[in-house]
Amino acid sequence: MKAEKMIVEIERTGNQRQGSRLSAYRDKLREACKDAAPEEGKTGDIDEQGRE
């Protein structure tokens, strides 16, 4: 019984740590996407001379 409780605690702790890492990774990706997104109003289309 005692070993089962320890196993459950270890799994719970592991899941919490993994969730924290995933949250941090998700936040970094969101920031990177914001930085890479074109400015509002620009379509990103470029004509043959390289003008938008």
Protein backbone atom coordinates (compact mmCIF):
# COMPACT_ATOMS: atom_id res chain seq x y z
CA MET A 1 0.00 0.00 0.00
CA LYS A 2 2.78 2.41 0.92
CA ALA A 3 4.65 1.63 -2.32
CA GLU A 4 1.50 2.27 -4.37
CA LYS A 5 1.10 5.73 -2.81
CA MET A 6 4.72 6.51 -3.57
CA ILE A 7 4.29 5.44 -7.18
CA VAL A 8 1.19 7.62 -7.54
CA GLU A 9 3.06 10.62 -6.08
CA ILE A 10 6.03 10.06 -8.39
CA GLU A 11 3.74 9.88 -11.44
CA ARG A 12 1.83 12.98 -10.34
CA THR A 13 5.05 14.93 -9.84
CA GLY A 14 6.33 13.82 -13.23
CA ASN A 15 3.11 14.88 -14.93
CA GLN A 16 3.23 18.29 -13.24
CA ARG A 17 6.82 18.84 -14.37
CA GLN A 18 6.00 17.80 -17.91
CA GLY A 19 2.99 20.13 -17.91
CA SER A 20 5.18 23.01 -16.77
CA ARG A 21 7.71 22.35 -19.50
CA LEU A 22 4.99 22.15 -22.14
CA SER A 23 3.43 25.39 -20.92
CA ALA A 24 6.78 27.17 -21.10
CA TYR A 25 7.40 25.77 -24.59
CA ARG A 26 3.92 26.86 -25.73
CA ASP A 27 4.50 30.38 -24.40
CA LYS A 28 7.84 30.62 -26.23
CA LEU A 29 6.22 29.48 -29.47
CA ARG A 30 3.47 32.08 -29.12
CA GLU A 31 6.05 34.82 -28.62
CA ALA A 32 8.03 33.62 -31.63
CA CYS A 33 4.89 33.60 -33.75
CA LYS A 34 4.02 37.14 -32.68
CA ASP A 35 7.51 38.31 -33.67
CA ALA A 36 7.33 36.55 -37.03
CA ALA A 37 3.78 37.67 -37.91
CA PRO A 38 3.53 40.42 -40.54
CA GLU A 39 2.40 43.83 -39.42
CA GLU A 40 -1.34 44.41 -39.49
CA GLY A 41 -2.56 45.68 -42.83
CA LYS A 42 0.24 44.13 -44.84
CA THR A 43 -0.67 41.13 -46.91
CA GLY A 44 2.85 39.92 -47.55
CA ASP A 45 2.22 39.70 -51.29
CA ILE A 46 5.17 40.89 -53.35
CA ASP A 47 4.94 41.83 -57.01
CA GLU A 48 7.54 41.10 -59.68
CA GLN A 49 9.71 44.10 -58.73
CA GLY A 50 9.82 43.06 -55.07
CA ARG A 51 7.28 45.64 -53.88
CA GLU A 52 4.41 44.83 -51.60
